[in-house]
Amino acid sequence: SIEDGEGLLGLFAEERPRAVVHLAAQAGVRYSLENPAAYIQSNL
């Protein structure tokens, strides 16, 4: 999960990607009315 800062930064340190295509997110307009916390954690 991108919300897992320690795990994600560990992967960055291991792989040192030259570029990043960031497409992970909590998607969906209507679901954001039901579960706003998911959007804050994932998207922010």
PDB file of all heavy atoms in Angstrom:
ATOM      1  N   SER A   1       0.844  -1.196   0.000  1.00  0.00           N
ATOM      2  CA  SER A   1       0.000   0.000   0.000  1.00  0.00           C
ATOM      3  C   SER A   1       0.875   1.239   0.000  1.00  0.00           C
ATOM      4  O   SER A   1       1.865   1.299   0.744  1.00  0.00           O
ATOM      5  CB  SER A   1      -0.907   0.022   1.242  1.00  0.00           C
ATOM      6  OG  SER A   1      -1.892  -0.981   1.184  1.00  0.00           O
ATOM      7  N   ILE A   2       0.494   2.237  -0.776  1.00  0.00           N
ATOM      8  CA  ILE A   2       1.260   3.479  -0.768  1.00  0.00           C
ATOM      9  C   ILE A   2       1.093   4.212   0.564  1.00  0.00           C
ATOM     10  O   ILE A   2       1.902   5.068   0.915  1.00  0.00           O
ATOM     11  CB  ILE A   2       0.873   4.396  -1.934  1.00  0.00           C
ATOM     12  CG1 ILE A   2      -0.624   4.750  -1.907  1.00  0.00           C
ATOM     13  CG2 ILE A   2       1.258   3.769  -3.261  1.00  0.00           C
ATOM     14  CD1 ILE A   2      -1.010   5.821  -2.917  1.00  0.00           C
ATOM     15  N   GLU A   3       0.064   3.858   1.334  1.00  0.00           N
ATOM     16  CA  GLU A   3      -0.096   4.433   2.668  1.00  0.00           C
ATOM     17  C   GLU A   3       0.968   3.932   3.639  1.00  0.00           C
ATOM     18  O   GLU A   3       1.199   4.531   4.685  1.00  0.00           O
ATOM     19  CB  GLU A   3      -1.482   4.097   3.235  1.00  0.00           C
ATOM     20  CG  GLU A   3      -2.649   4.654   2.433  1.00  0.00           C
ATOM     21  CD  GLU A   3      -3.210   3.648   1.446  1.00  0.00           C
ATOM     22  OE1 GLU A   3      -2.402   2.975   0.752  1.00  0.00           O
ATOM     23  OE2 GLU A   3      -4.440   3.517   1.347  1.00  0.00           O
ATOM     24  N   ASP A   4       1.602   2.816   3.303  1.00  0.00           N
ATOM     25  CA  ASP A   4       2.666   2.231   4.129  1.00  0.00           C
ATOM     26  C   ASP A   4       3.976   2.946   3.815  1.00  0.00           C
ATOM     27  O   ASP A   4       4.747   2.522   2.945  1.00  0.00           O
ATOM     28  CB  ASP A   4       2.761   0.731   3.835  1.00  0.00           C
ATOM     29  CG  ASP A   4       3.909   0.044   4.577  1.00  0.00           C
ATOM     30  OD1 ASP A   4       4.600   0.717   5.383  1.00  0.00           O
ATOM     31  OD2 ASP A   4       4.123  -1.158   4.338  1.00  0.00           O
ATOM     32  N   GLY A   5       4.222   4.048   4.503  1.00  0.00           N
ATOM     33  CA  GLY A   5       5.385   4.851   4.191  1.00  0.00           C
ATOM     34  C   GLY A   5       6.688   4.112   4.355  1.00  0.00           C
ATOM     35  O   GLY A   5       7.589   4.201   3.522  1.00  0.00           O
ATOM     36  N   GLU A   6       6.823   3.351   5.425  1.00  0.00           N
ATOM     37  CA  GLU A   6       8.066   2.626   5.671  1.00  0.00           C
ATOM     38  C   GLU A   6       8.326   1.601   4.575  1.00  0.00           C
ATOM     39  O   GLU A   6       9.438   1.500   4.042  1.00  0.00           O
ATOM     40  CB  GLU A   6       8.007   1.931   7.037  1.00  0.00           C
ATOM     41  CG  GLU A   6       9.286   1.204   7.406  1.00  0.00           C
ATOM     42  CD  GLU A   6       9.220   0.568   8.788  1.00  0.00           C
ATOM     43  OE1 GLU A   6       8.241   0.836   9.522  1.00  0.00           O
ATOM     44  OE2 GLU A   6      10.147  -0.194   9.138  1.00  0.00           O
ATOM     45  N   GLY A   7       7.286   0.852   4.222  1.00  0.00           N
ATOM     46  CA  GLY A   7       7.451  -0.164   3.178  1.00  0.00           C
ATOM     47  C   GLY A   7       7.743   0.456   1.822  1.00  0.00           C
ATOM     48  O   GLY A   7       8.612  -0.025   1.076  1.00  0.00           O
ATOM     49  N   LEU A   8       7.039   1.528   1.499  1.00  0.00           N
ATOM     50  CA  LEU A   8       7.216   2.153   0.195  1.00  0.00           C
ATOM     51  C   LEU A   8       8.599   2.797   0.069  1.00  0.00           C
ATOM     52  O   LEU A   8       9.286   2.627  -0.948  1.00  0.00           O
ATOM     53  CB  LEU A   8       6.119   3.197  -0.043  1.00  0.00           C
ATOM     54  CG  LEU A   8       6.070   3.786  -1.448  1.00  0.00           C
ATOM     55  CD1 LEU A   8       5.691   2.723  -2.469  1.00  0.00           C
ATOM     56  CD2 LEU A   8       5.075   4.939  -1.509  1.00  0.00           C
ATOM     57  N   LEU A   9       9.010   3.504   1.101  1.00  0.00           N
ATOM     58  CA  LEU A   9      10.326   4.138   1.053  1.00  0.00           C
ATOM     59  C   LEU A   9      11.445   3.096   1.049  1.00  0.00           C
ATOM     60  O   LEU A   9      12.506   3.310   0.449  1.00  0.00           O
ATOM     61  CB  LEU A   9      10.487   5.115   2.211  1.00  0.00           C
ATOM     62  CG  LEU A   9       9.597   6.363   2.115  1.00  0.00           C
ATOM     63  CD1 LEU A   9       9.704   7.205   3.370  1.00  0.00           C
ATOM     64  CD2 LEU A   9       9.938   7.187   0.894  1.00  0.00           C
ATOM     65  N   GLY A  10      11.191   1.963   1.676  1.00  0.00           N
ATOM     66  CA  GLY A  10      12.154   0.874   1.602  1.00  0.00           C
ATOM     67  C   GLY A  10      12.294   0.346   0.181  1.00  0.00           C
ATOM     68  O   GLY A  10      13.404   0.035  -0.274  1.00  0.00           O
ATOM     69  N   LEU A  11      11.163   0.246  -0.531  1.00  0.00           N
ATOM     70  CA  LEU A  11      11.202  -0.192  -1.923  1.00  0.00           C
ATOM     71  C   LEU A  11      11.940   0.832  -2.789  1.00  0.00           C
ATOM     72  O   LEU A  11      12.740   0.464  -3.662  1.00  0.00           O
ATOM     73  CB  LEU A  11       9.780  -0.408  -2.441  1.00  0.00           C
ATOM     74  CG  LEU A  11       9.661  -0.934  -3.867  1.00  0.00           C
ATOM     75  CD1 LEU A  11      10.207  -2.362  -3.971  1.00  0.00           C
ATOM     76  CD2 LEU A  11       8.198  -0.898  -4.337  1.00  0.00           C
ATOM     77  N   PHE A  12      11.689   2.107  -2.562  1.00  0.00           N
ATOM     78  CA  PHE A  12      12.423   3.149  -3.284  1.00  0.00           C
ATOM     79  C   PHE A  12      13.928   3.009  -3.058  1.00  0.00           C
ATOM     80  O   PHE A  12      14.720   3.109  -3.994  1.00  0.00           O
ATOM     81  CB  PHE A  12      11.965   4.537  -2.828  1.00  0.00           C
ATOM     82  CG  PHE A  12      10.879   5.154  -3.661  1.00  0.00           C
ATOM     83  CD1 PHE A  12       9.544   5.014  -3.309  1.00  0.00           C
ATOM     84  CD2 PHE A  12      11.190   5.905  -4.789  1.00  0.00           C
ATOM     85  CE1 PHE A  12       8.540   5.607  -4.065  1.00  0.00           C
ATOM     86  CE2 PHE A  12      10.192   6.502  -5.548  1.00  0.00           C
ATOM     87  CZ  PHE A  12       8.864   6.350  -5.195  1.00  0.00           C
ATOM     88  N   ALA A  13      14.317   2.800  -1.806  1.00  0.00           N
ATOM     89  CA  ALA A  13      15.744   2.688  -1.491  1.00  0.00           C
ATOM     90  C   ALA A  13      16.372   1.476  -2.171  1.00  0.00           C
ATOM     91  O   ALA A  13      17.523   1.527  -2.621  1.00  0.00           O
ATOM     92  CB  ALA A  13      15.926   2.599   0.024  1.00  0.00           C
ATOM     93  N   GLU A  14      15.612   0.390  -2.243  1.00  0.00           N
ATOM     94  CA  GLU A  14      16.132  -0.837  -2.843  1.00  0.00           C
ATOM     95  C   GLU A  14      16.239  -0.729  -4.356  1.00  0.00           C
ATOM     96  O   GLU A  14      17.236  -1.149  -4.959  1.00  0.00           O
ATOM     97  CB  GLU A  14      15.219  -2.004  -2.471  1.00  0.00           C
ATOM     98  CG  GLU A  14      15.675  -3.347  -3.024  1.00  0.00           C
ATOM     99  CD  GLU A  14      14.719  -4.468  -2.660  1.00  0.00           C
ATOM    100  OE1 GLU A  14      13.769  -4.231  -1.884  1.00  0.00           O
ATOM    101  OE2 GLU A  14      14.925  -5.583  -3.168  1.00  0.00           O
ATOM    102  N   GLU A  15      15.220  -0.170  -4.996  1.00  0.00           N
ATOM    103  CA  GLU A  15      15.159  -0.175  -6.462  1.00  0.00           C
ATOM    104  C   GLU A  15      15.678   1.113  -7.101  1.00  0.00           C
ATOM    105  O   GLU A  15      16.072   1.103  -8.259  1.00  0.00           O
ATOM    106  CB  GLU A  15      13.710  -0.425  -6.918  1.00  0.00           C
ATOM    107  CG  GLU A  15      13.185  -1.801  -6.604  1.00  0.00           C
ATOM    108  CD  GLU A  15      13.801  -2.877  -7.489  1.00  0.00           C
ATOM    109  OE1 GLU A  15      14.569  -2.536  -8.422  1.00  0.00           O
ATOM    110  OE2 GLU A  15      13.513  -4.069  -7.255  1.00  0.00           O
ATOM    111  N   ARG A  16      15.629   2.223  -6.378  1.00  0.00           N
ATOM    112  CA  ARG A  16      16.027   3.526  -6.910  1.00  0.00           C
ATOM    113  C   ARG A  16      15.487   3.760  -8.323  1.00  0.00           C
ATOM    114  O   ARG A  16      16.252   3.901  -9.295  1.00  0.00           O
ATOM    115  CB  ARG A  16      17.550   3.681  -6.893  1.00  0.00           C
ATOM    116  CG  ARG A  16      18.141   3.798  -5.496  1.00  0.00           C
ATOM    117  CD  ARG A  16      19.619   4.134  -5.523  1.00  0.00           C
ATOM    118  NE  ARG A  16      19.918   5.341  -6.298  1.00  0.00           N
ATOM    119  CZ  ARG A  16      19.756   6.592  -5.849  1.00  0.00           C
ATOM    120  NH1 ARG A  16      19.271   6.800  -4.630  1.00  0.00           N
ATOM    121  NH2 ARG A  16      20.070   7.610  -6.622  1.00  0.00           N
ATOM    122  N   PRO A  17      14.175   3.778  -8.483  1.00  0.00           N
ATOM    123  CA  PRO A  17      13.602   3.943  -9.823  1.00  0.00           C
ATOM    124  C   PRO A  17      14.023   5.259 -10.468  1.00  0.00           C
ATOM    125  O   PRO A  17      14.121   6.287  -9.801  1.00  0.00           O
ATOM    126  CB  PRO A  17      12.094   3.915  -9.561  1.00  0.00           C
ATOM    127  CG  PRO A  17      11.944   4.331  -8.136  1.00  0.00           C
ATOM    128  CD  PRO A  17      13.142   3.766  -7.432  1.00  0.00           C
ATOM    129  N   ARG A  18      14.285   5.201 -11.762  1.00  0.00           N
ATOM    130  CA  ARG A  18      14.679   6.432 -12.456  1.00  0.00           C
ATOM    131  C   ARG A  18      13.463   7.310 -12.740  1.00  0.00           C
ATOM    132  O   ARG A  18      13.597   8.523 -12.930  1.00  0.00           O
ATOM    133  CB  ARG A  18      15.427   6.123 -13.750  1.00  0.00           C
ATOM    134  CG  ARG A  18      14.607   5.467 -14.844  1.00  0.00           C
ATOM    135  CD  ARG A  18      15.459   5.331 -16.106  1.00  0.00           C
ATOM    136  NE  ARG A  18      14.795   4.601 -17.156  1.00  0.00           N
ATOM    137  CZ  ARG A  18      13.973   5.144 -18.054  1.00  0.00           C
ATOM    138  NH1 ARG A  18      13.692   6.430 -17.991  1.00  0.00           N
ATOM    139  NH2 ARG A  18      13.417   4.403 -18.991  1.00  0.00           N
ATOM    140  N   ALA A  19      12.292   6.698 -12.788  1.00  0.00           N
ATOM    141  CA  ALA A  19      11.060   7.455 -13.006  1.00  0.00           C
ATOM    142  C   ALA A  19       9.917   6.725 -12.317  1.00  0.00           C
ATOM    143  O   ALA A  19       9.986   5.517 -12.068  1.00  0.00           O
ATOM    144  CB  ALA A  19      10.776   7.619 -14.495  1.00  0.00           C
ATOM    145  N   VAL A  20       8.859   7.464 -12.033  1.00  0.00           N
ATOM    146  CA  VAL A  20       7.693   6.906 -11.348  1.00  0.00           C
ATOM    147  C   VAL A  20       6.438   7.296 -12.125  1.00  0.00           C
ATOM    148  O   VAL A  20       6.256   8.472 -12.475  1.00  0.00           O
ATOM    149  CB  VAL A  20       7.591   7.424  -9.897  1.00  0.00           C
ATOM    150  CG1 VAL A  20       6.312   6.908  -9.232  1.00  0.00           C
ATOM    151  CG2 VAL A  20       8.819   7.013  -9.096  1.00  0.00           C
ATOM    152  N   VAL A  21       5.597   6.304 -12.396  1.00  0.00           N
ATOM    153  CA  VAL A  21       4.257   6.560 -12.931  1.00  0.00           C
ATOM    154  C   VAL A  21       3.283   6.223 -11.808  1.00  0.00           C
ATOM    155  O   VAL A  21       3.067   5.049 -11.491  1.00  0.00           O
ATOM    156  CB  VAL A  21       3.963   5.707 -14.181  1.00  0.00           C
ATOM    157  CG1 VAL A  21       2.563   6.030 -14.716  1.00  0.00           C
ATOM    158  CG2 VAL A  21       5.005   5.954 -15.261  1.00  0.00           C
ATOM    159  N   HIS A  22       2.734   7.255 -11.201  1.00  0.00           N
ATOM    160  CA  HIS A  22       1.907   7.071 -10.010  1.00  0.00           C
ATOM    161  C   HIS A  22       0.431   7.068 -10.393  1.00  0.00           C
ATOM    162  O   HIS A  22      -0.153   8.108 -10.694  1.00  0.00           O
ATOM    163  CB  HIS A  22       2.188   8.174  -8.995  1.00  0.00           C
ATOM    164  CG  HIS A  22       1.312   8.100  -7.784  1.00  0.00           C
ATOM    165  ND1 HIS A  22       1.227   6.964  -7.004  1.00  0.00           N
ATOM    166  CD2 HIS A  22       0.461   9.005  -7.236  1.00  0.00           C
ATOM    167  CE1 HIS A  22       0.361   7.184  -6.013  1.00  0.00           C
ATOM    168  NE2 HIS A  22      -0.112   8.408  -6.148  1.00  0.00           N
ATOM    169  N   LEU A  23      -0.154   5.863 -10.372  1.00  0.00           N
ATOM    170  CA  LEU A  23      -1.554   5.686 -10.748  1.00  0.00           C
ATOM    171  C   LEU A  23      -2.391   5.112  -9.613  1.00  0.00           C
ATOM    172  O   LEU A  23      -3.607   4.991  -9.740  1.00  0.00           O
ATOM    173  CB  LEU A  23      -1.650   4.773 -11.975  1.00  0.00           C
ATOM    174  CG  LEU A  23      -0.902   5.285 -13.217  1.00  0.00           C
ATOM    175  CD1 LEU A  23      -0.799   4.202 -14.273  1.00  0.00           C
ATOM    176  CD2 LEU A  23      -1.577   6.523 -13.778  1.00  0.00           C
ATOM    177  N   ALA A  24      -1.749   4.748  -8.508  1.00  0.00           N
ATOM    178  CA  ALA A  24      -2.497   4.218  -7.363  1.00  0.00           C
ATOM    179  C   ALA A  24      -3.283   5.341  -6.703  1.00  0.00           C
ATOM    180  O   ALA A  24      -2.780   6.449  -6.532  1.00  0.00           O
ATOM    181  CB  ALA A  24      -1.542   3.593  -6.351  1.00  0.00           C
ATOM    182  N   ALA A  25      -4.518   5.046  -6.345  1.00  0.00           N
ATOM    183  CA  ALA A  25      -5.358   6.033  -5.655  1.00  0.00           C
ATOM    184  C   ALA A  25      -6.640   5.344  -5.231  1.00  0.00           C
ATOM    185  O   ALA A  25      -7.001   4.290  -5.764  1.00  0.00           O
ATOM    186  CB  ALA A  25      -5.692   7.211  -6.569  1.00  0.00           C
ATOM    187  N   GLN A  26      -7.312   5.948  -4.280  1.00  0.00           N
ATOM    188  CA  GLN A  26      -8.682   5.533  -4.023  1.00  0.00           C
ATOM    189  C   GLN A  26      -9.539   6.254  -5.058  1.00  0.00           C
ATOM    190  O   GLN A  26      -9.634   7.472  -5.065  1.00  0.00           O
ATOM    191  CB  GLN A  26      -9.133   5.908  -2.618  1.00  0.00           C
ATOM    192  CG  GLN A  26     -10.585   5.529  -2.323  1.00  0.00           C
ATOM    193  CD  GLN A  26     -10.872   4.056  -2.563  1.00  0.00           C
ATOM    194  OE1 GLN A  26     -10.292   3.189  -1.927  1.00  0.00           O
ATOM    195  NE2 GLN A  26     -11.782   3.761  -3.480  1.00  0.00           N
ATOM    196  N   ALA A  27     -10.098   5.483  -5.961  1.00  0.00           N
ATOM    197  CA  ALA A  27     -10.841   6.053  -7.087  1.00  0.00           C
ATOM    198  C   ALA A  27     -12.327   6.127  -6.774  1.00  0.00           C
ATOM    199  O   ALA A  27     -12.813   5.567  -5.797  1.00  0.00           O
ATOM    200  CB  ALA A  27     -10.602   5.206  -8.334  1.00  0.00           C
ATOM    201  N   GLY A  28     -13.040   6.829  -7.651  1.00  0.00           N
ATOM    202  CA  GLY A  28     -14.503   6.869  -7.571  1.00  0.00           C
ATOM    203  C   GLY A  28     -15.033   8.105  -6.884  1.00  0.00           C
ATOM    204  O   GLY A  28     -14.702   8.373  -5.735  1.00  0.00           O
ATOM    205  N   VAL A  29     -15.838   8.869  -7.613  1.00  0.00           N
ATOM    206  CA  VAL A  29     -16.434  10.081  -7.052  1.00  0.00           C
ATOM    207  C   VAL A  29     -17.484   9.730  -6.000  1.00  0.00           C
ATOM    208  O   VAL A  29     -17.478  10.261  -4.889  1.00  0.00           O
ATOM    209  CB  VAL A  29     -17.052  10.940  -8.172  1.00  0.00           C
ATOM    210  CG1 VAL A  29     -17.912  12.052  -7.586  1.00  0.00           C
ATOM    211  CG2 VAL A  29     -15.953  11.529  -9.048  1.00  0.00           C
ATOM    212  N   ARG A  30     -18.379   8.821  -6.326  1.00  0.00           N
ATOM    213  CA  ARG A  30     -19.515   8.552  -5.431  1.00  0.00           C
ATOM    214  C   ARG A  30     -19.075   7.882  -4.134  1.00  0.00           C
ATOM    215  O   ARG A  30     -19.615   8.147  -3.065  1.00  0.00           O
ATOM    216  CB  ARG A  30     -20.560   7.702  -6.164  1.00  0.00           C
ATOM    217  CG  ARG A  30     -21.239   8.502  -7.277  1.00  0.00           C
ATOM    218  CD  ARG A  30     -22.147   7.681  -8.163  1.00  0.00           C
ATOM    219  NE  ARG A  30     -22.562   8.496  -9.306  1.00  0.00           N
ATOM    220  CZ  ARG A  30     -22.782   8.012 -10.513  1.00  0.00           C
ATOM    221  NH1 ARG A  30     -22.608   6.729 -10.757  1.00  0.00           N
ATOM    222  NH2 ARG A  30     -23.163   8.812 -11.488  1.00  0.00           N
ATOM    223  N   TYR A  31     -18.057   7.020  -4.220  1.00  0.00           N
ATOM    224  CA  TYR A  31     -17.579   6.342  -3.016  1.00  0.00           C
ATOM    225  C   TYR A  31     -16.953   7.329  -2.035  1.00  0.00           C
ATOM    226  O   TYR A  31     -16.908   7.069  -0.832  1.00  0.00           O
ATOM    227  CB  TYR A  31     -16.578   5.249  -3.409  1.00  0.00           C
ATOM    228  CG  TYR A  31     -16.116   4.376  -2.266  1.00  0.00           C
ATOM    229  CD1 TYR A  31     -17.030   3.615  -1.532  1.00  0.00           C
ATOM    230  CD2 TYR A  31     -14.777   4.303  -1.924  1.00  0.00           C
ATOM    231  CE1 TYR A  31     -16.606   2.805  -0.481  1.00  0.00           C
ATOM    232  CE2 TYR A  31     -14.343   3.495  -0.886  1.00  0.00           C
ATOM    233  CZ  TYR A  31     -15.261   2.748  -0.162  1.00  0.00           C
ATOM    234  OH  TYR A  31     -14.841   1.951   0.872  1.00  0.00           O
ATOM    235  N   SER A  32     -16.481   8.467  -2.542  1.00  0.00           N
ATOM    236  CA  SER A  32     -15.865   9.454  -1.651  1.00  0.00           C
ATOM    237  C   SER A  32     -16.891  10.069  -0.706  1.00  0.00           C
ATOM    238  O   SER A  32     -16.526  10.622   0.336  1.00  0.00           O
ATOM    239  CB  SER A  32     -15.163  10.548  -2.452  1.00  0.00           C
ATOM    240  OG  SER A  32     -16.077  11.363  -3.157  1.00  0.00           O
ATOM    241  N   LEU A  33     -18.172   9.964  -1.050  1.00  0.00           N
ATOM    242  CA  LEU A  33     -19.222  10.438  -0.142  1.00  0.00           C
ATOM    243  C   LEU A  33     -19.435   9.457   1.000  1.00  0.00           C
ATOM    244  O   LEU A  33     -19.873   9.840   2.084  1.00  0.00           O
ATOM    245  CB  LEU A  33     -20.541  10.634  -0.900  1.00  0.00           C
ATOM    246  CG  LEU A  33     -20.715  11.951  -1.663  1.00  0.00           C
ATOM    247  CD1 LEU A  33     -19.739  12.054  -2.826  1.00  0.00           C
ATOM    248  CD2 LEU A  33     -22.152  12.076  -2.184  1.00  0.00           C
ATOM    249  N   GLU A  34     -19.120   8.177   0.762  1.00  0.00           N
ATOM    250  CA  GLU A  34     -19.355   7.137   1.757  1.00  0.00           C
ATOM    251  C   GLU A  34     -18.157   6.912   2.673  1.00  0.00           C
ATOM    252  O   GLU A  34     -18.313   6.614   3.846  1.00  0.00           O
ATOM    253  CB  GLU A  34     -19.694   5.813   1.051  1.00  0.00           C
ATOM    254  CG  GLU A  34     -20.905   5.877   0.134  1.00  0.00           C
ATOM    255  CD  GLU A  34     -21.045   4.593  -0.670  1.00  0.00           C
ATOM    256  OE1 GLU A  34     -20.468   3.562  -0.242  1.00  0.00           O
ATOM    257  OE2 GLU A  34     -21.702   4.611  -1.722  1.00  0.00           O
ATOM    258  N   ASN A  35     -16.956   7.035   2.112  1.00  0.00           N
ATOM    259  CA  ASN A  35     -15.757   6.681   2.866  1.00  0.00           C
ATOM    260  C   ASN A  35     -14.660   7.717   2.627  1.00  0.00           C
ATOM    261  O   ASN A  35     -13.634   7.418   2.003  1.00  0.00           O
ATOM    262  CB  ASN A  35     -15.283   5.282   2.455  1.00  0.00           C
ATOM    263  CG  ASN A  35     -14.185   4.756   3.352  1.00  0.00           C
ATOM    264  OD1 ASN A  35     -13.765   5.421   4.301  1.00  0.00           O
ATOM    265  ND2 ASN A  35     -13.692   3.565   3.051  1.00  0.00           N
ATOM    266  N   PRO A  36     -14.843   8.929   3.119  1.00  0.00           N
ATOM    267  CA  PRO A  36     -13.840   9.972   2.857  1.00  0.00           C
ATOM    268  C   PRO A  36     -12.464   9.645   3.423  1.00  0.00           C
ATOM    269  O   PRO A  36     -11.446  10.055   2.854  1.00  0.00           O
ATOM    270  CB  PRO A  36     -14.439  11.217   3.523  1.00  0.00           C
ATOM    271  CG  PRO A  36     -15.439  10.699   4.510  1.00  0.00           C
ATOM    272  CD  PRO A  36     -15.976   9.438   3.910  1.00  0.00           C
ATOM    273  N   ALA A  37     -12.402   8.892   4.514  1.00  0.00           N
ATOM    274  CA  ALA A  37     -11.105   8.579   5.126  1.00  0.00           C
ATOM    275  C   ALA A  37     -10.195   7.824   4.157  1.00  0.00           C
ATOM    276  O   ALA A  37      -8.968   8.014   4.171  1.00  0.00           O
ATOM    277  CB  ALA A  37     -11.308   7.775   6.400  1.00  0.00           C
ATOM    278  N   ALA A  38     -10.786   6.976   3.312  1.00  0.00           N
ATOM    279  CA  ALA A  38      -9.972   6.213   2.361  1.00  0.00           C
ATOM    280  C   ALA A  38      -9.258   7.139   1.391  1.00  0.00           C
ATOM    281  O   ALA A  38      -8.119   6.874   0.982  1.00  0.00           O
ATOM    282  CB  ALA A  38     -10.856   5.226   1.590  1.00  0.00           C
ATOM    283  N   TYR A  39      -9.900   8.232   1.035  1.00  0.00           N
ATOM    284  CA  TYR A  39      -9.316   9.179   0.079  1.00  0.00           C
ATOM    285  C   TYR A  39      -8.204   9.998   0.739  1.00  0.00           C
ATOM    286  O   TYR A  39      -7.193  10.304   0.107  1.00  0.00           O
ATOM    287  CB  TYR A  39     -10.405  10.090  -0.484  1.00  0.00           C
ATOM    288  CG  TYR A  39     -11.363   9.322  -1.366  1.00  0.00           C
ATOM    289  CD1 TYR A  39     -12.342   8.504  -0.808  1.00  0.00           C
ATOM    290  CD2 TYR A  39     -11.264   9.371  -2.747  1.00  0.00           C
ATOM    291  CE1 TYR A  39     -13.203   7.767  -1.596  1.00  0.00           C
ATOM    292  CE2 TYR A  39     -12.123   8.629  -3.550  1.00  0.00           C
ATOM    293  CZ  TYR A  39     -13.087   7.827  -2.973  1.00  0.00           C
ATOM    294  OH  TYR A  39     -13.925   7.089  -3.769  1.00  0.00           O
ATOM    295  N   ILE A  40      -8.408  10.337   1.976  1.00  0.00           N
ATOM    296  CA  ILE A  40      -7.388  11.096   2.698  1.00  0.00           C
ATOM    297  C   ILE A  40      -6.130  10.252   2.861  1.00  0.00           C
ATOM    298  O   ILE A  40      -5.005  10.705   2.614  1.00  0.00           O
ATOM    299  CB  ILE A  40      -7.939  11.568   4.052  1.00  0.00           C
ATOM    300  CG1 ILE A  40      -9.042  12.619   3.819  1.00  0.00           C
ATOM    301  CG2 ILE A  40      -6.829  12.148   4.924  1.00  0.00           C
ATOM    302  CD1 ILE A  40      -9.866  12.935   5.047  1.00  0.00           C
ATOM    303  N   GLN A  41      -6.293   9.005   3.245  1.00  0.00           N
ATOM    304  CA  GLN A  41      -5.137   8.144   3.472  1.00  0.00           C
ATOM    305  C   GLN A  41      -4.404   7.807   2.173  1.00  0.00           C
ATOM    306  O   GLN A  41      -3.176   7.902   2.095  1.00  0.00           O
ATOM    307  CB  GLN A  41      -5.571   6.861   4.187  1.00  0.00           C
ATOM    308  CG  GLN A  41      -5.980   7.078   5.624  1.00  0.00           C
ATOM    309  CD  GLN A  41      -4.845   7.674   6.449  1.00  0.00           C
ATOM    310  OE1 GLN A  41      -3.707   7.199   6.407  1.00  0.00           O
ATOM    311  NE2 GLN A  41      -5.161   8.707   7.211  1.00  0.00           N
ATOM    312  N   SER A  42      -5.130   7.412   1.149  1.00  0.00           N
ATOM    313  CA  SER A  42      -4.486   6.984  -0.089  1.00  0.00           C
ATOM    314  C   SER A  42      -4.041   8.165  -0.934  1.00  0.00           C
ATOM    315  O   SER A  42      -2.878   8.261  -1.339  1.00  0.00           O
ATOM    316  CB  SER A  42      -5.434   6.094  -0.896  1.00  0.00           C
ATOM    317  OG  SER A  42      -4.825   5.668  -2.099  1.00  0.00           O
ATOM    318  N   ASN A  43      -4.958   9.089  -1.188  1.00  0.00           N
ATOM    319  CA  ASN A  43      -4.693  10.130  -2.167  1.00  0.00           C
ATOM    320  C   ASN A  43      -3.865  11.283  -1.616  1.00  0.00           C
ATOM    321  O   ASN A  43      -3.224  11.999  -2.390  1.00  0.00           O
ATOM    322  CB  ASN A  43      -6.001  10.665  -2.746  1.00  0.00           C
ATOM    323  CG  ASN A  43      -6.811   9.586  -3.449  1.00  0.00           C
ATOM    324  OD1 ASN A  43      -6.460   8.416  -3.410  1.00  0.00           O
ATOM    325  ND2 ASN A  43      -7.898   9.969  -4.071  1.00  0.00           N
ATOM    326  N   LEU A  44      -3.874  11.466  -0.293  1.00  0.00           N
ATOM    327  CA  LEU A  44      -3.084  12.549   0.299  1.00  0.00           C
ATOM    328  C   LEU A  44      -1.851  12.002   1.017  1.00  0.00           C
ATOM    329  O   LEU A  44      -0.721  12.306   0.649  1.00  0.00           O
ATOM    330  CB  LEU A  44      -3.950  13.375   1.247  1.00  0.00           C
ATOM    331  CG  LEU A  44      -5.159  14.061   0.593  1.00  0.00           C
ATOM    332  CD1 LEU A  44      -5.937  14.857   1.626  1.00  0.00           C
ATOM    333  CD2 LEU A  44      -4.730  14.959  -0.555  1.00  0.00           C
TER     334      LEU A  44
END
